[in-house]
Amino acid sequence: MRVRPTVSEKQISAALLACVRYEVDEAGIRGAVSNVDPVELARAAGFHGVAPLVQHRLTRLELPVDPQLAATYREQLFRHLIVMAELREIGAVLTEAGVGWLVFKGPVLAAAYERDDLRSYSDVDLLVDRHRLAEALDILYSAGCSQVDRNWPMINAQTRGEMSLSMRSGIALDLHWAFVCESRTRLALHVPVEAMLSRSVTRVVSDVSLQTLEPHDELAYVALHAILSGGHRLVWLVDMDRLVRARSLDWVEVVEAARRNGLSLPLAIMLDRARRYLGTDVPPAVTRSLAAGLGWRGLMRAVDAVRSPVGSFAGGMSGRIFAQSFRGTTGATAVGLFQEVLDRLGRQRAVAWASNPLHEDVPDALARQDYLSRVMSKAVV
């Protein structure tokens, strides 16, 4: 297996980093972009979820823009406008019914960027009070949403922390009652969802008022999501960088929030990466407080030194499997790494599904009722 990046990959990575850093270094961007094929740069920007931001920087400097990059930006702009119109209605009906809710990731993170249209996302994540999950589903149906995950025996057996729906526009909406979908990882982490929901704040995004995470909780959660997703896409580092710059953060509270949410290690790793790759202004004492010993943070640094996550679009090894193994503590994470390796071997042996089995229409009323009852009564974590 090839591990070291090629010269071309290094040049593309350098161009991406030059384009997405907050401080615009015109000479640096021009020099970095001159070394790469615009088509390859567009492909890498798409993989890393930073196409709108790269397109914006190149256009601003009147540099060549691949047509696919421009098309991706336009698609994201239209998607964002549609999403905000949908969320205006969904938020209103949930609030009117007294159901606690908040939106996280995608459109809320977009508001931390220089412009709302520069953060790429493809779906909406909505968390509701688990005690009102059945009611929230009915409210969303009445607002024009339809169920995408319909295999109720599988949903129930997996005790999933989210369900896939589709909004009236056809854009995906993931309805959460927990921040972690997979039950095994959720049990290991114990993220305090109800406490985080109770601390939610109102944020205006593109003239729409949304309930969302309190800024210190948000930073910790965004780090967790990046780590559990593999930590291999540049957009997650840019998210960390823009949140640090845009939110009025108290570094003492950043550390306290991470500790009370059990998310010190992923936050330390992602802040450390943001500082190294994007120059994010993170006091070294903060990452030391979050993770005093090297441990897993040191391992991730070592993996990054061999294979930068910014270059992982080209294949080969990255730190993805190590990041996805996070389970809260170093010991539990080591077990998680072993489980992740076994899971991957199993997936390699399995015959690929033609479609997602969760989307199969299996309308088992008893399984649906059992799932909703267990979630709402807190019989499951």
Protein backbone atom coordinates (compact mmCIF):
# COMPACT_ATOMS: atom_id res chain seq x y z
CA MET A 1 0.00 0.00 0.00
CA ARG A 2 1.36 3.43 -0.97
CA VAL A 3 1.76 5.69 2.06
CA ARG A 4 3.90 8.65 1.09
CA PRO A 5 2.14 11.35 -0.99
CA THR A 6 3.42 12.08 -4.48
CA VAL A 7 4.87 15.43 -5.50
CA SER A 8 1.62 16.24 -7.34
CA GLU A 9 -0.45 15.46 -4.23
CA LYS A 10 1.75 17.73 -2.13
CA GLN A 11 1.27 20.56 -4.62
CA ILE A 12 -2.50 20.12 -4.65
CA SER A 13 -2.57 20.03 -0.84
CA ALA A 14 -0.49 23.21 -0.70
CA ALA A 15 -2.86 24.92 -3.14
CA LEU A 16 -5.92 23.88 -1.12
CA LEU A 17 -4.41 25.13 2.13
CA ALA A 18 -3.41 28.44 0.54
CA CYS A 19 -6.96 28.95 -0.73
CA VAL A 20 -8.82 28.17 2.51
CA ARG A 21 -6.71 29.96 5.12
CA TYR A 22 -8.55 32.88 6.68
CA GLU A 23 -5.81 35.41 5.95
CA VAL A 24 -5.70 35.87 2.17
CA ASP A 25 -2.09 35.64 0.94
CA GLU A 26 -2.53 36.62 -2.71
CA ALA A 27 1.04 35.87 -3.71
CA GLY A 28 0.94 32.56 -1.86
CA ILE A 29 -2.31 31.51 -3.54
CA ARG A 30 -1.08 32.51 -7.01
CA GLY A 31 2.18 30.63 -6.54
CA ALA A 32 0.54 27.48 -5.14
CA VAL A 33 -2.22 27.35 -7.75
CA SER A 34 0.22 27.85 -10.64
CA ASN A 35 1.70 24.42 -9.88
CA VAL A 36 -1.51 22.39 -10.24
CA ASP A 37 -4.02 21.37 -12.87
CA PRO A 38 -7.33 23.27 -12.28
CA VAL A 39 -9.28 20.05 -12.88
CA GLU A 40 -7.29 18.18 -10.22
CA LEU A 41 -7.64 21.11 -7.82
CA ALA A 42 -11.42 21.10 -8.35
CA ARG A 43 -11.56 17.35 -7.73
CA ALA A 44 -9.59 17.66 -4.51
CA ALA A 45 -11.63 20.66 -3.33
CA GLY A 46 -14.80 18.67 -3.92
CA PHE A 47 -13.53 15.70 -1.94
CA HIS A 48 -12.48 17.91 0.95
CA GLY A 49 -15.77 19.84 1.02
CA VAL A 50 -14.14 23.22 0.39
CA ALA A 51 -15.16 23.80 -3.25
CA PRO A 52 -17.22 26.98 -2.60
CA LEU A 53 -14.41 28.56 -0.56
CA VAL A 54 -11.75 27.67 -3.13
CA GLN A 55 -13.95 28.94 -5.97
CA HIS A 56 -14.48 32.22 -4.11
CA ARG A 57 -10.76 32.78 -3.56
CA LEU A 58 -9.80 31.93 -7.13
CA THR A 59 -12.52 34.14 -8.59
CA ARG A 60 -11.54 37.02 -6.33
CA LEU A 61 -7.96 36.82 -7.64
CA GLU A 62 -9.12 36.31 -11.26
CA LEU A 63 -7.40 32.93 -11.44
CA PRO A 64 -8.58 30.01 -13.64
CA VAL A 65 -11.63 28.25 -12.22
CA ASP A 66 -12.60 24.79 -13.45
CA PRO A 67 -16.27 24.72 -14.60
CA GLN A 68 -17.06 21.93 -12.13
CA LEU A 69 -15.82 24.07 -9.26
CA ALA A 70 -18.06 26.94 -10.33
CA ALA A 71 -21.01 24.56 -10.74
CA THR A 72 -20.47 23.13 -7.25
CA TYR A 73 -20.52 26.63 -5.79
CA ARG A 74 -23.80 27.49 -7.54
CA GLU A 75 -25.38 24.24 -6.37
CA GLN A 76 -24.37 24.99 -2.78
CA LEU A 77 -25.73 28.53 -2.98
CA PHE A 78 -29.13 27.32 -4.21
CA ARG A 79 -29.15 24.50 -1.65
CA HIS A 80 -28.46 26.94 1.19
CA LEU A 81 -31.27 29.27 0.14
CA ILE A 82 -33.73 26.37 -0.07
CA VAL A 83 -32.60 24.90 3.26
CA MET A 84 -33.06 28.19 5.07
CA ALA A 85 -36.60 28.55 3.71
CA GLU A 86 -37.41 25.00 4.85
CA LEU A 87 -35.86 25.50 8.29
CA ARG A 88 -37.84 28.71 8.83
CA GLU A 89 -41.05 26.67 8.61
CA ILE A 90 -39.79 23.59 10.46
CA GLY A 91 -38.42 25.64 13.34
CA ALA A 92 -41.68 27.56 13.63
CA VAL A 93 -43.90 24.47 13.86
CA LEU A 94 -41.62 22.70 16.35
CA THR A 95 -41.47 25.82 18.52
CA GLU A 96 -45.24 26.26 18.36
CA ALA A 97 -45.67 22.66 19.57
CA GLY A 98 -43.21 23.22 22.42
CA VAL A 99 -40.76 20.57 21.15
CA GLY A 100 -37.16 21.33 22.03
CA TRP A 101 -34.96 21.40 18.92
CA LEU A 102 -31.71 22.63 17.50
CA VAL A 103 -29.91 22.60 14.16
CA PHE A 104 -26.22 21.77 14.09
CA LYS A 105 -23.38 21.44 11.57
CA GLY A 106 -24.12 22.47 7.93
CA PRO A 107 -26.09 25.74 7.73
CA VAL A 108 -25.12 26.86 11.24
CA LEU A 109 -21.42 26.37 10.54
CA ALA A 110 -21.88 28.33 7.30
CA ALA A 111 -22.65 31.39 9.42
CA ALA A 112 -19.15 31.20 10.94
CA TYR A 113 -17.53 31.56 7.51
CA GLU A 114 -16.75 34.83 5.78
CA ARG A 115 -20.04 34.41 3.89
CA ASP A 116 -22.92 32.00 4.41
CA ASP A 117 -22.52 30.56 0.91
CA LEU A 118 -18.90 29.43 1.38
CA ARG A 119 -19.47 26.34 3.53
CA SER A 120 -20.41 23.20 1.61
CA TYR A 121 -23.03 20.83 3.02
CA SER A 122 -25.46 18.36 1.51
CA ASP A 123 -28.00 17.72 4.28
CA VAL A 124 -29.48 19.17 7.46
CA ASP A 125 -28.99 17.80 10.97
CA LEU A 126 -31.88 18.45 13.35
CA LEU A 127 -31.88 17.29 16.97
CA VAL A 128 -35.11 17.11 18.96
CA ASP A 129 -35.98 16.34 22.57
CA ARG A 130 -35.97 12.53 22.71
CA HIS A 131 -39.03 12.55 24.99
CA ARG A 132 -41.03 14.11 22.12
CA LEU A 133 -39.56 12.08 19.24
CA ALA A 134 -42.86 10.54 18.06
CA GLU A 135 -44.57 13.95 18.14
CA ALA A 136 -41.63 15.54 16.33
CA LEU A 137 -41.94 12.96 13.56
CA ASP A 138 -45.64 13.74 13.11
CA ILE A 139 -44.90 17.47 13.04
CA LEU A 140 -42.22 16.98 10.37
CA TYR A 141 -44.59 14.86 8.28
CA SER A 142 -47.16 17.65 8.46
CA ALA A 143 -44.48 20.12 7.35
CA GLY A 144 -43.95 18.11 4.16
CA CYS A 145 -41.11 15.83 5.23
CA SER A 146 -41.13 12.16 4.24
CA GLN A 147 -39.46 9.15 5.81
CA VAL A 148 -36.38 7.81 3.99
CA ASP A 149 -35.25 5.26 6.58
CA ARG A 150 -38.27 2.93 6.58
CA ASN A 151 -36.80 -0.39 7.65
CA TRP A 152 -38.20 -0.27 11.18
CA PRO A 153 -36.93 -3.71 12.29
CA MET A 154 -33.38 -2.64 11.37
CA ILE A 155 -33.76 0.84 12.91
CA ASN A 156 -35.02 -0.79 16.10
CA ALA A 157 -32.38 -3.52 16.19
CA GLN A 158 -29.56 -1.00 15.70
CA THR A 159 -31.06 1.52 18.16
CA ARG A 160 -29.98 4.27 15.83
CA GLY A 161 -29.55 7.78 17.21
CA GLU A 162 -30.89 9.34 14.02
CA MET A 163 -33.28 8.69 11.14
CA SER A 164 -33.06 9.92 7.58
CA LEU A 165 -35.94 12.01 6.26
CA SER A 166 -36.39 14.13 3.17
CA MET A 167 -37.66 17.70 3.30
CA ARG A 168 -40.28 18.97 0.89
CA SER A 169 -37.51 20.15 -1.45
CA GLY A 170 -35.95 16.68 -1.55
CA ILE A 171 -32.92 17.76 0.51
CA ALA A 172 -31.99 15.20 3.16
CA LEU A 173 -32.80 15.87 6.80
CA ASP A 174 -31.23 13.70 9.51
CA LEU A 175 -33.49 13.69 12.55
CA HIS A 176 -31.46 13.07 15.71
CA TRP A 177 -32.30 12.34 19.31
CA ALA A 178 -28.58 11.78 20.02
CA PHE A 179 -25.41 13.31 18.64
CA VAL A 180 -23.88 9.87 17.97
CA CYS A 181 -25.83 7.53 15.70
CA GLU A 182 -24.10 4.19 16.25
CA SER A 183 -25.14 2.61 19.56
CA ARG A 184 -21.80 1.02 20.47
CA THR A 185 -19.94 4.31 20.14
CA ARG A 186 -22.77 6.24 21.83
CA LEU A 187 -22.61 3.95 24.87
CA ALA A 188 -18.84 4.43 25.11
CA LEU A 189 -18.96 8.23 24.92
CA HIS A 190 -22.00 9.27 26.99
CA VAL A 191 -22.32 12.70 25.33
CA PRO A 192 -24.80 14.65 27.53
CA VAL A 193 -27.38 15.45 24.86
CA GLU A 194 -30.13 16.78 27.13
CA ALA A 195 -27.77 19.16 28.92
CA MET A 196 -26.44 20.46 25.61
CA LEU A 197 -29.99 20.91 24.30
CA SER A 198 -30.90 22.86 27.45
CA ARG A 199 -27.97 25.24 26.83
CA SER A 200 -28.93 25.89 23.18
CA VAL A 201 -28.87 29.45 21.88
CA THR A 202 -30.60 31.34 19.09
CA ARG A 203 -28.45 32.24 16.10
CA VAL A 204 -29.57 34.16 13.02
CA VAL A 205 -28.41 32.50 9.81
CA SER A 206 -29.29 34.16 6.50
CA ASP A 207 -32.08 36.09 8.27
CA VAL A 208 -33.57 32.93 9.80
CA SER A 209 -33.52 32.41 13.58
CA LEU A 210 -32.30 28.92 14.46
CA GLN A 211 -31.81 27.16 17.76
CA THR A 212 -28.30 25.75 17.87
CA LEU A 213 -25.54 24.66 20.20
CA GLU A 214 -23.99 27.02 22.72
CA PRO A 215 -20.61 28.08 21.19
CA HIS A 216 -18.35 26.12 23.55
CA ASP A 217 -20.50 22.99 23.21
CA GLU A 218 -20.52 23.54 19.45
CA LEU A 219 -16.72 23.62 19.18
CA ALA A 220 -16.43 20.37 21.16
CA TYR A 221 -19.14 18.64 19.13
CA VAL A 222 -17.71 19.73 15.76
CA ALA A 223 -14.38 18.21 16.84
CA LEU A 224 -16.12 14.97 17.83
CA HIS A 225 -17.98 14.75 14.52
CA ALA A 226 -14.75 15.31 12.59
CA ILE A 227 -12.94 12.58 14.52
CA LEU A 228 -15.77 10.02 14.31
CA SER A 229 -16.07 10.75 10.58
CA GLY A 230 -12.37 10.02 10.10
CA GLY A 231 -10.80 13.48 10.34
CA HIS A 232 -9.63 13.18 6.72
CA ARG A 233 -11.42 16.12 5.09
CA LEU A 234 -10.11 19.68 5.11
CA VAL A 235 -13.57 21.20 5.64
CA TRP A 236 -13.59 19.96 9.24
CA LEU A 237 -10.33 21.79 9.98
CA VAL A 238 -11.70 24.93 8.34
CA ASP A 239 -14.81 24.60 10.53
CA MET A 240 -12.62 24.57 13.65
CA ASP A 241 -10.64 27.56 12.41
CA ARG A 242 -13.71 29.64 11.56
CA LEU A 243 -15.50 28.79 14.82
CA VAL A 244 -12.47 29.93 16.82
CA ARG A 245 -12.42 33.19 14.87
CA ALA A 246 -16.17 33.86 14.68
CA ARG A 247 -17.46 32.86 18.11
CA SER A 248 -16.69 34.80 21.28
CA LEU A 249 -14.93 31.93 23.02
CA ASP A 250 -13.49 31.87 26.50
CA TRP A 251 -10.60 29.39 26.45
CA VAL A 252 -11.17 28.41 30.06
CA GLU A 253 -14.79 27.61 29.19
CA VAL A 254 -13.64 25.76 26.05
CA VAL A 255 -11.68 23.37 28.27
CA GLU A 256 -14.49 23.08 30.82
CA ALA A 257 -17.13 22.42 28.16
CA ALA A 258 -14.99 19.71 26.57
CA ARG A 259 -14.48 18.03 29.93
CA ARG A 260 -18.13 18.07 30.97
CA ASN A 261 -19.12 16.71 27.56
CA GLY A 262 -16.41 14.03 27.65
CA LEU A 263 -14.84 15.40 24.47
CA SER A 264 -11.42 16.67 25.59
CA LEU A 265 -9.36 14.34 23.40
CA PRO A 266 -11.09 14.92 20.03
CA LEU A 267 -11.09 18.66 20.68
CA ALA A 268 -7.37 18.60 21.51
CA ILE A 269 -6.60 16.68 18.31
CA MET A 270 -8.66 18.93 16.03
CA LEU A 271 -7.46 22.20 17.58
CA ASP A 272 -3.89 20.95 17.29
CA ARG A 273 -4.45 20.12 13.62
CA ALA A 274 -6.12 23.46 12.90
CA ARG A 275 -3.18 25.29 14.45
CA ARG A 276 -0.62 23.28 12.47
CA TYR A 277 -2.35 23.35 9.08
CA LEU A 278 -4.30 26.64 9.10
CA GLY A 279 -2.48 28.77 11.65
CA THR A 280 -5.52 28.93 13.94
CA ASP A 281 -4.72 30.97 17.02
CA VAL A 282 -5.03 28.31 19.73
CA PRO A 283 -2.99 28.84 22.92
CA PRO A 284 -0.69 25.80 23.40
CA ALA A 285 -1.80 25.67 27.04
CA VAL A 286 -5.33 24.85 25.87
CA THR A 287 -4.40 21.66 24.04
CA ARG A 288 -2.13 20.68 26.93
CA SER A 289 -5.03 21.15 29.35
CA LEU A 290 -7.35 19.13 27.14
CA ALA A 291 -4.90 16.25 26.73
CA ALA A 292 -1.99 16.45 29.16
CA GLY A 293 -0.11 13.41 27.83
CA LEU A 294 0.68 12.64 24.23
CA GLY A 295 -1.27 9.36 24.10
CA TRP A 296 -3.75 9.28 21.22
CA ARG A 297 -2.99 12.90 20.30
CA GLY A 298 0.65 11.93 19.80
CA LEU A 299 -0.31 8.96 17.66
CA MET A 300 -2.45 11.18 15.43
CA ARG A 301 0.46 13.60 15.06
CA ALA A 302 2.72 10.74 14.03
CA VAL A 303 0.16 9.53 11.46
CA ASP A 304 -0.21 13.09 10.12
CA ALA A 305 3.57 13.32 9.71
CA VAL A 306 3.50 10.26 7.44
CA ARG A 307 0.26 11.01 5.60
CA SER A 308 -1.31 14.43 5.89
CA PRO A 309 -5.12 14.37 6.17
CA VAL A 310 -5.14 17.24 3.70
CA GLY A 311 -3.70 14.91 1.04
CA SER A 312 -5.83 11.86 1.68
CA PHE A 313 -8.03 12.49 -1.39
CA ALA A 314 -5.50 10.60 -3.49
CA GLY A 315 -5.95 7.32 -1.65
CA GLY A 316 -3.49 5.35 0.41
CA MET A 317 -3.19 5.53 4.16
CA SER A 318 -4.43 8.43 6.26
CA GLY A 319 -5.32 8.72 9.93
CA ARG A 320 -8.93 7.89 9.22
CA ILE A 321 -9.08 4.47 10.89
CA PHE A 322 -7.31 5.81 13.99
CA ALA A 323 -9.64 8.79 14.25
CA GLN A 324 -12.80 6.74 13.79
CA SER A 325 -11.74 4.46 16.63
CA PHE A 326 -12.16 7.17 19.28
CA ARG A 327 -14.16 5.94 22.28
CA GLY A 328 -13.52 8.54 24.99
CA THR A 329 -10.36 7.30 26.72
CA THR A 330 -7.06 5.95 25.45
CA GLY A 331 -7.84 2.43 26.66
CA ALA A 332 -11.35 2.38 25.23
CA THR A 333 -10.04 3.88 21.99
CA ALA A 334 -7.47 1.08 21.65
CA VAL A 335 -10.36 -1.40 21.88
CA GLY A 336 -12.27 0.71 19.38
CA LEU A 337 -9.33 0.54 16.96
CA PHE A 338 -9.38 -3.26 17.16
CA GLN A 339 -13.15 -3.29 16.56
CA GLU A 340 -12.79 -0.88 13.64
CA VAL A 341 -10.21 -3.11 11.99
CA LEU A 342 -12.50 -6.14 12.37
CA ASP A 343 -15.47 -4.16 11.03
CA ARG A 344 -13.49 -3.09 7.97
CA LEU A 345 -12.38 -6.62 7.26
CA GLY A 346 -16.00 -7.70 7.52
CA ARG A 347 -17.13 -4.98 5.13
CA GLN A 348 -14.46 -5.99 2.63
CA ARG A 349 -15.74 -9.58 2.68
CA ALA A 350 -19.40 -8.59 2.43
CA VAL A 351 -21.23 -8.23 -0.84
CA ALA A 352 -22.02 -4.55 -1.41
CA TRP A 353 -25.68 -3.60 -1.07
CA ALA A 354 -27.30 -2.25 -4.22
CA SER A 355 -29.00 0.32 -1.98
CA ASN A 356 -29.09 1.25 1.68
CA PRO A 357 -31.06 -1.49 3.48
CA LEU A 358 -32.38 1.11 5.93
CA HIS A 359 -34.31 2.63 3.03
CA GLU A 360 -36.22 -0.58 2.30
CA ASP A 361 -39.91 -0.21 3.04
CA VAL A 362 -40.51 -2.57 5.98
CA PRO A 363 -43.49 -1.00 7.82
CA ASP A 364 -43.35 -3.05 11.03
CA ALA A 365 -45.67 -1.19 13.42
CA LEU A 366 -44.49 -3.15 16.47
CA ALA A 367 -40.81 -2.47 15.73
CA ARG A 368 -41.57 1.23 15.19
CA GLN A 369 -43.49 1.47 18.46
CA ASP A 370 -40.80 -0.41 20.36
CA TYR A 371 -38.06 1.86 19.01
CA LEU A 372 -39.93 5.08 19.78
CA SER A 373 -41.00 3.88 23.23
CA ARG A 374 -37.48 2.85 24.23
CA VAL A 375 -35.99 6.13 23.03
CA MET A 376 -38.63 8.34 24.66
CA SER A 377 -38.58 6.45 27.97
CA LYS A 378 -34.75 6.54 28.04
CA ALA A 379 -34.63 2.74 28.12
CA VAL A 380 -31.67 3.14 25.74
CA VAL A 381 -28.74 5.54 26.01
